[in-house]
C-alpha atoms as a PDB file:
ATOM      1  CA  UNK A   1      -0.593  16.834  28.751  1.00  0.00           C
ATOM      2  CA  UNK A   2      -0.176  13.466  30.382  1.00  0.00           C
ATOM      3  CA  UNK A   3       3.055  12.856  32.263  1.00  0.00           C
ATOM      4  CA  UNK A   4       5.314  10.093  31.043  1.00  0.00           C
ATOM      5  CA  UNK A   5       6.275   9.286  34.645  1.00  0.00           C
ATOM      6  CA  UNK A   6       3.264   6.955  34.833  1.00  0.00           C
ATOM      7  CA  UNK A   7       3.785   5.494  31.343  1.00  0.00           C
ATOM      8  CA  UNK A   8       4.908   1.961  30.665  1.00  0.00           C
ATOM      9  CA  UNK A   9       6.926   1.309  27.509  1.00  0.00           C
ATOM     10  CA  UNK A  10       7.149  -1.620  25.145  1.00  0.00           C
ATOM     11  CA  UNK A  11      10.396  -2.633  23.474  1.00  0.00           C
ATOM     12  CA  UNK A  12       8.641  -1.800  20.195  1.00  0.00           C
ATOM     13  CA  UNK A  13       8.476   1.902  21.300  1.00  0.00           C
ATOM     14  CA  UNK A  14       4.818   2.248  22.233  1.00  0.00           C
ATOM     15  CA  UNK A  15       3.775   3.799  25.549  1.00  0.00           C
ATOM     16  CA  UNK A  16       0.782   2.761  27.626  1.00  0.00           C
ATOM     17  CA  UNK A  17      -0.936   4.708  30.379  1.00  0.00           C
ATOM     18  CA  UNK A  18      -3.814   3.437  32.491  1.00  0.00           C
ATOM     19  CA  UNK A  19      -6.522   6.021  33.166  1.00  0.00           C
ATOM     20  CA  UNK A  20      -8.949   6.302  36.063  1.00  0.00           C
ATOM     21  CA  UNK A  21     -11.637   4.478  34.047  1.00  0.00           C
ATOM     22  CA  UNK A  22      -9.427   1.422  33.527  1.00  0.00           C
ATOM     23  CA  UNK A  23      -8.663   2.160  29.871  1.00  0.00           C
ATOM     24  CA  UNK A  24      -5.124   2.014  28.469  1.00  0.00           C
ATOM     25  CA  UNK A  25      -4.116   4.992  26.374  1.00  0.00           C
ATOM     26  CA  UNK A  26      -1.506   4.139  23.705  1.00  0.00           C
ATOM     27  CA  UNK A  27       0.964   6.344  21.864  1.00  0.00           C
ATOM     28  CA  UNK A  28       4.516   6.186  20.524  1.00  0.00           C
ATOM     29  CA  UNK A  29       7.668   7.274  22.287  1.00  0.00           C
ATOM     30  CA  UNK A  30       9.710  10.358  21.520  1.00  0.00           C
ATOM     31  CA  UNK A  31      12.491   8.026  20.416  1.00  0.00           C
ATOM     32  CA  UNK A  32      10.118   6.388  17.887  1.00  0.00           C
ATOM     33  CA  UNK A  33       8.880   9.662  16.419  1.00  0.00           C
ATOM     34  CA  UNK A  34      12.452  10.987  16.129  1.00  0.00           C
ATOM     35  CA  UNK A  35      13.504   7.805  14.328  1.00  0.00           C
ATOM     36  CA  UNK A  36      10.518   7.989  11.976  1.00  0.00           C
ATOM     37  CA  UNK A  37      10.876  11.638  11.072  1.00  0.00           C
ATOM     38  CA  UNK A  38       7.903  13.651   9.825  1.00  0.00           C
ATOM     39  CA  UNK A  39       4.760  11.539  10.344  1.00  0.00           C
ATOM     40  CA  UNK A  40       2.467  11.689   7.304  1.00  0.00           C
ATOM     41  CA  UNK A  41      -0.182   9.005   7.898  1.00  0.00           C
ATOM     42  CA  UNK A  42      -1.606   6.776  10.597  1.00  0.00           C
ATOM     43  CA  UNK A  43      -3.557   3.617   9.725  1.00  0.00           C
ATOM     44  CA  UNK A  44      -5.704   2.964  12.771  1.00  0.00           C
ATOM     45  CA  UNK A  45      -6.834  -0.332  14.224  1.00  0.00           C
ATOM     46  CA  UNK A  46     -10.584  -1.011  13.992  1.00  0.00           C
ATOM     47  CA  UNK A  47     -12.969  -0.021  16.791  1.00  0.00           C
ATOM     48  CA  UNK A  48     -14.081  -3.173  18.555  1.00  0.00           C
ATOM     49  CA  UNK A  49     -11.014  -5.080  17.352  1.00  0.00           C
ATOM     50  CA  UNK A  50      -9.717  -7.648  19.856  1.00  0.00           C
ATOM     51  CA  UNK A  51      -5.928  -7.364  20.231  1.00  0.00           C
ATOM     52  CA  UNK A  52      -3.222  -9.335  22.010  1.00  0.00           C
ATOM     53  CA  UNK A  53      -0.141  -7.897  23.712  1.00  0.00           C
ATOM     54  CA  UNK A  54       2.713  -7.528  21.191  1.00  0.00           C
ATOM     55  CA  UNK A  55       0.464  -7.901  18.119  1.00  0.00           C
ATOM     56  CA  UNK A  56       1.002  -5.444  15.228  1.00  0.00           C
ATOM     57  CA  UNK A  57      -2.360  -3.679  14.951  1.00  0.00           C
ATOM     58  CA  UNK A  58      -1.737  -0.327  13.197  1.00  0.00           C
ATOM     59  CA  UNK A  59       0.779   1.376  10.922  1.00  0.00           C
ATOM     60  CA  UNK A  60       2.382   4.802  11.165  1.00  0.00           C
ATOM     61  CA  UNK A  61       4.071   6.239   8.071  1.00  0.00           C
ATOM     62  CA  UNK A  62       6.605   9.027   7.733  1.00  0.00           C
ATOM     63  CA  UNK A  63       8.684  10.507   4.960  1.00  0.00           C
ATOM     64  CA  UNK A  64      11.387   7.956   5.866  1.00  0.00           C
ATOM     65  CA  UNK A  65       9.539   4.716   6.596  1.00  0.00           C
ATOM     66  CA  UNK A  66       6.413   2.865   7.680  1.00  0.00           C
ATOM     67  CA  UNK A  67       6.384   1.209  11.077  1.00  0.00           C
ATOM     68  CA  UNK A  68       3.975  -1.141  12.827  1.00  0.00           C
ATOM     69  CA  UNK A  69       2.305  -0.066  16.052  1.00  0.00           C
ATOM     70  CA  UNK A  70       1.929  -2.962  18.509  1.00  0.00           C
ATOM     71  CA  UNK A  71      -0.643  -3.456  21.247  1.00  0.00           C
ATOM     72  CA  UNK A  72       1.118  -2.963  24.612  1.00  0.00           C
ATOM     73  CA  UNK A  73      -1.724  -4.876  26.336  1.00  0.00           C
ATOM     74  CA  UNK A  74      -4.463  -7.296  25.311  1.00  0.00           C
ATOM     75  CA  UNK A  75      -8.073  -6.178  25.050  1.00  0.00           C
ATOM     76  CA  UNK A  76     -10.531  -4.352  22.822  1.00  0.00           C
ATOM     77  CA  UNK A  77      -9.945  -1.137  20.853  1.00  0.00           C
ATOM     78  CA  UNK A  78     -12.572   1.237  22.272  1.00  0.00           C
ATOM     79  CA  UNK A  79     -11.442   4.692  21.040  1.00  0.00           C
ATOM     80  CA  UNK A  80      -9.438   6.203  18.195  1.00  0.00           C
ATOM     81  CA  UNK A  81      -7.897   9.684  18.218  1.00  0.00           C
ATOM     82  CA  UNK A  82      -9.486  11.615  15.313  1.00  0.00           C
ATOM     83  CA  UNK A  83      -6.823  14.353  15.640  1.00  0.00           C
ATOM     84  CA  UNK A  84      -4.116  11.910  14.556  1.00  0.00           C
ATOM     85  CA  UNK A  85      -6.242  10.857  11.570  1.00  0.00           C
ATOM     86  CA  UNK A  86      -6.627  14.426  10.312  1.00  0.00           C
ATOM     87  CA  UNK A  87      -3.278  15.898  11.435  1.00  0.00           C
ATOM     88  CA  UNK A  88      -0.806  13.021  11.950  1.00  0.00           C
ATOM     89  CA  UNK A  89       2.114  15.429  12.343  1.00  0.00           C
ATOM     90  CA  UNK A  90       0.935  16.180  15.921  1.00  0.00           C
ATOM     91  CA  UNK A  91       2.691  12.941  16.886  1.00  0.00           C
ATOM     92  CA  UNK A  92       6.010  14.663  16.119  1.00  0.00           C
ATOM     93  CA  UNK A  93       5.074  17.779  18.059  1.00  0.00           C
ATOM     94  CA  UNK A  94       3.997  16.087  21.299  1.00  0.00           C
ATOM     95  CA  UNK A  95       4.479  12.304  21.318  1.00  0.00           C
ATOM     96  CA  UNK A  96       3.652  12.036  25.036  1.00  0.00           C
ATOM     97  CA  UNK A  97       0.657  14.342  24.739  1.00  0.00           C
ATOM     98  CA  UNK A  98      -1.048  12.525  21.882  1.00  0.00           C
ATOM     99  CA  UNK A  99      -2.661   9.116  22.247  1.00  0.00           C
ATOM    100  CA  UNK A 100      -3.368   7.035  19.152  1.00  0.00           C
ATOM    101  CA  UNK A 101      -6.009   4.673  20.465  1.00  0.00           C
ATOM    102  CA  UNK A 102      -7.408   3.314  23.737  1.00  0.00           C
ATOM    103  CA  UNK A 103      -7.696  -0.318  24.779  1.00  0.00           C
ATOM    104  CA  UNK A 104     -10.169  -1.759  27.264  1.00  0.00           C
ATOM    105  CA  UNK A 105      -8.090  -4.511  28.931  1.00  0.00           C
ATOM    106  CA  UNK A 106      -9.256  -8.116  28.598  1.00  0.00           C
ATOM    107  CA  UNK A 107      -9.272  -8.500  32.396  1.00  0.00           C
ATOM    108  CA  UNK A 108      -7.758  -6.895  35.463  1.00  0.00           C
ATOM    109  CA  UNK A 109      -5.589  -9.956  36.108  1.00  0.00           C
ATOM    110  CA  UNK A 110      -4.177 -10.044  32.592  1.00  0.00           C
ATOM    111  CA  UNK A 111      -3.607  -6.281  32.667  1.00  0.00           C
ATOM    112  CA  UNK A 112      -1.512  -6.477  35.826  1.00  0.00           C
ATOM    113  CA  UNK A 113       0.628  -9.251  34.327  1.00  0.00           C
ATOM    114  CA  UNK A 114       0.991  -7.519  30.985  1.00  0.00           C
ATOM    115  CA  UNK A 115       1.952  -4.178  32.508  1.00  0.00           C
ATOM    116  CA  UNK A 116       4.742  -5.999  34.364  1.00  0.00           C
ATOM    117  CA  UNK A 117       6.094  -7.031  30.919  1.00  0.00           C
ATOM    118  CA  UNK A 118       6.541  -3.357  30.027  1.00  0.00           C
ATOM    119  CA  UNK A 119       9.292  -0.962  31.109  1.00  0.00           C
ATOM    120  CA  UNK A 120       9.360   2.208  33.185  1.00  0.00           C
ATOM    121  CA  UNK A 121      10.597   5.390  31.520  1.00  0.00           C
ATOM    122  CA  UNK A 122      14.088   4.917  33.033  1.00  0.00           C
ATOM    123  CA  UNK A 123      14.297   1.289  31.842  1.00  0.00           C
ATOM    124  CA  UNK A 124      13.039   2.232  28.390  1.00  0.00           C
ATOM    125  CA  UNK A 125      15.421   5.195  28.094  1.00  0.00           C
ATOM    126  CA  UNK A 126      18.357   2.946  28.947  1.00  0.00           C
ATOM    127  CA  UNK A 127      17.355   0.230  26.489  1.00  0.00           C
ATOM    128  CA  UNK A 128      16.340   2.528  23.630  1.00  0.00           C
ATOM    129  CA  UNK A 129      19.262   4.885  23.973  1.00  0.00           C
ATOM    130  CA  UNK A 130      16.631   7.626  24.227  1.00  0.00           C
END
């Protein structure tokens, strides 16, 4: 399981984690999954889709509501998590252990700037009441 100590959080409740290959793994926060309730469906972005930071690019649905998933950074969707497609409830079981999709950043310079727009776990926890 990845550790949320390295995660950066968006105000829209997505987390982002940069891996050693320069890809950004994206998931939703524990606060988001608790607010949603039992996740039933995840509508993925498209592989190869170009996304911009803050853009709504996917939808997650629960028994309570549907919620947009936003891109925490700009770039290209390069991987989708098939496990979430077949068993979306895993998001409720381990929100920090399940990534939804991966983004190849548009550039190193834009990535650095965009990551600075995101919050640390402590900042996010304070702002989200999580």
